[in-house]
Protein backbone atom coordinates (compact mmCIF):
# COMPACT_ATOMS: atom_id res chain seq x y z
CA MET A 1 146.13 157.48 31.37
CA GLN A 2 144.34 158.41 28.25
CA PRO A 3 140.85 157.33 27.32
CA ARG A 4 141.98 155.05 24.22
CA VAL A 5 144.67 153.29 26.35
CA LEU A 6 141.94 152.72 29.10
CA LEU A 7 139.66 151.25 26.79
CA PHE A 8 142.37 148.87 25.07
CA GLU A 9 143.24 147.77 28.74
CA LEU A 10 139.60 147.01 29.46
CA MET A 11 139.16 145.02 26.51
CA SER A 12 142.47 143.12 26.66
CA GLY A 13 141.33 142.37 30.31
CA ARG A 14 137.90 141.28 29.17
CA SER A 15 139.70 139.00 26.65
CA ARG A 16 141.78 137.52 29.27
CA TRP A 17 139.05 136.60 31.85
CA LEU A 18 137.03 135.13 28.92
CA ALA A 19 139.81 133.13 27.86
CA GLU A 20 140.67 131.94 31.57
CA ARG A 21 136.62 131.25 32.12
CA GLN A 22 137.03 129.12 28.69
CA ALA A 23 139.57 127.05 30.22
CA VAL A 24 137.73 126.56 33.51
CA LEU A 25 134.70 125.29 31.75
CA SER A 26 136.43 123.19 29.84
CA ARG A 27 137.99 121.31 32.61
CA ASN A 28 134.50 120.82 33.84
CA VAL A 29 133.51 119.29 30.74
CA ALA A 30 136.56 117.28 30.59
CA ASN A 31 135.90 115.98 34.15
CA ALA A 32 132.21 115.12 33.64
CA ASP A 33 132.86 111.55 34.29
CA THR A 34 135.33 111.91 37.26
CA PRO A 35 133.85 110.66 40.60
CA GLY A 36 133.54 113.43 43.30
CA PHE A 37 134.49 116.39 40.72
CA ARG A 38 132.72 119.65 41.58
CA PRO A 39 132.53 122.34 38.78
CA ARG A 40 134.16 125.70 38.99
CA ASP A 41 133.52 128.95 37.22
CA LEU A 42 135.22 132.29 37.41
CA GLU A 43 134.02 135.06 39.62
CA PRO A 44 132.84 138.14 37.74
CA ALA A 45 135.55 140.40 36.86
CA GLY A 46 135.28 143.93 38.30
CA PHE A 47 136.78 147.15 36.61
CA ALA A 48 140.08 146.87 38.55
CA ASP A 49 140.35 143.20 37.99
CA LEU A 50 140.21 143.81 34.14
CA LEU A 51 142.96 146.40 34.31
CA GLY A 52 145.14 144.18 36.06
CA ARG A 53 145.21 146.21 39.27
CA LYS A 54 144.21 145.78 42.87
CA ALA A 55 141.28 147.92 44.05
CA GLY A 56 141.99 150.10 47.01
CA GLY A 57 145.72 150.10 47.03
CA LEU A 58 148.36 152.37 46.14
CA GLU A 59 149.98 151.55 42.91
CA PRO A 60 153.05 153.30 40.87
CA VAL A 61 151.99 155.59 38.26
CA ARG A 62 154.43 155.77 34.89
CA THR A 63 154.97 159.50 34.70
CA SER A 64 157.58 159.64 32.14
CA PRO A 65 158.51 157.22 28.91
CA VAL A 66 161.85 156.37 30.69
CA HIS A 67 160.26 154.81 33.69
CA LEU A 68 159.79 151.00 33.88
CA ALA A 69 156.19 149.78 32.93
CA PRO A 70 154.31 147.94 35.34
CA ALA A 71 154.54 144.14 34.96
CA PRO A 72 151.14 142.74 33.03
CA PRO A 73 149.17 140.72 35.30
CA GLU A 74 150.05 137.12 35.35
CA ARG A 75 147.87 134.30 33.90
CA GLY A 76 145.43 132.99 36.59
CA ALA A 77 144.80 136.50 38.03
CA PHE A 78 141.19 135.75 38.52
CA ARG A 79 139.55 133.98 41.15
CA THR A 80 137.55 130.65 40.51
CA VAL A 81 134.51 129.89 42.77
CA ASP A 82 132.54 126.45 43.08
CA ALA A 83 129.88 126.91 40.36
CA GLY A 84 127.24 124.70 42.55
CA GLY A 85 123.83 124.45 41.58
CA ALA A 86 123.87 121.24 39.93
CA GLU A 87 122.72 118.02 41.85
CA ALA A 88 125.55 115.51 42.48
CA SER A 89 125.21 111.90 40.53
CA PRO A 90 125.56 109.00 42.55
CA SER A 91 129.31 109.05 42.15
CA GLY A 92 129.45 112.29 43.78
CA ASN A 93 129.94 114.25 40.42
CA ALA A 94 128.07 117.49 40.14
CA VAL A 95 128.84 118.52 36.45
CA ALA A 96 125.66 119.34 34.41
CA LEU A 97 126.84 119.05 30.75
CA PRO A 98 124.02 121.15 29.15
CA GLU A 99 124.70 123.97 31.67
CA GLN A 100 128.45 123.77 31.20
CA MET A 101 127.93 123.85 27.42
CA GLN A 102 125.52 127.00 27.81
CA LYS A 103 128.15 128.77 29.58
CA MET A 104 130.85 127.97 27.19
CA ALA A 105 128.54 129.21 24.24
CA ALA A 106 127.71 132.47 26.22
CA THR A 107 131.54 133.23 26.73
CA GLU A 108 132.37 132.54 23.17
CA LEU A 109 129.51 135.05 22.32
CA ASP A 110 130.96 137.59 24.83
CA HIS A 111 134.42 136.89 23.23
CA GLN A 112 133.20 137.68 19.73
CA LEU A 113 131.55 140.93 21.07
CA THR A 114 134.84 141.95 22.63
CA THR A 115 136.84 141.21 19.29
CA HIS A 116 134.12 142.89 17.22
CA LEU A 117 134.30 146.11 19.50
CA TYR A 118 138.11 146.05 19.04
CA ARG A 119 138.12 145.81 15.64
CA ARG A 120 135.41 148.58 15.29
CA TYR A 121 137.70 151.06 17.49
CA MET A 122 140.65 150.47 15.46
CA ALA A 123 139.04 151.17 12.10
CA LEU A 124 137.86 154.37 13.98
CA LEU A 125 141.48 155.24 14.98
CA ARG A 126 142.67 154.41 11.47
CA THR A 127 139.86 156.60 9.78
CA ALA A 128 141.02 159.45 12.18
CA LEU A 129 144.62 159.12 11.71
CA GLY A 130 143.85 158.97 7.70
CA ALA A 131 141.97 162.27 8.02
CA LEU A 132 144.87 163.79 10.20
CA GLN A 133 147.40 162.89 7.32
CA SER A 134 145.54 164.26 4.64
């Protein structure tokens, strides 16, 4: 696999993980008044998770352009875990809104960083292609 393709796969995987985490955190906030609700979060994604591959297993490799490409990872491929940490209210709800909002803000900043890196890398490729065409 060429380095630039790997970089795009990593950025794409990171964006998928951040989008899914934002959805999980949004559900936590939406259920802040639901009795007995326990907040969830996504398990941090590893290298293999971001590439959409299973670690440790054999996988098909595309060795020719006429071969079928592997299917992209399905939505919801990341594992949710119990967020814990917050003390439950008398109704049994353990969502701490300030904590959830802080996590959402951090996720948004990470998404902005990933998007910025993608744009910068694309600009670098465009510059390189422009120099090759001259």
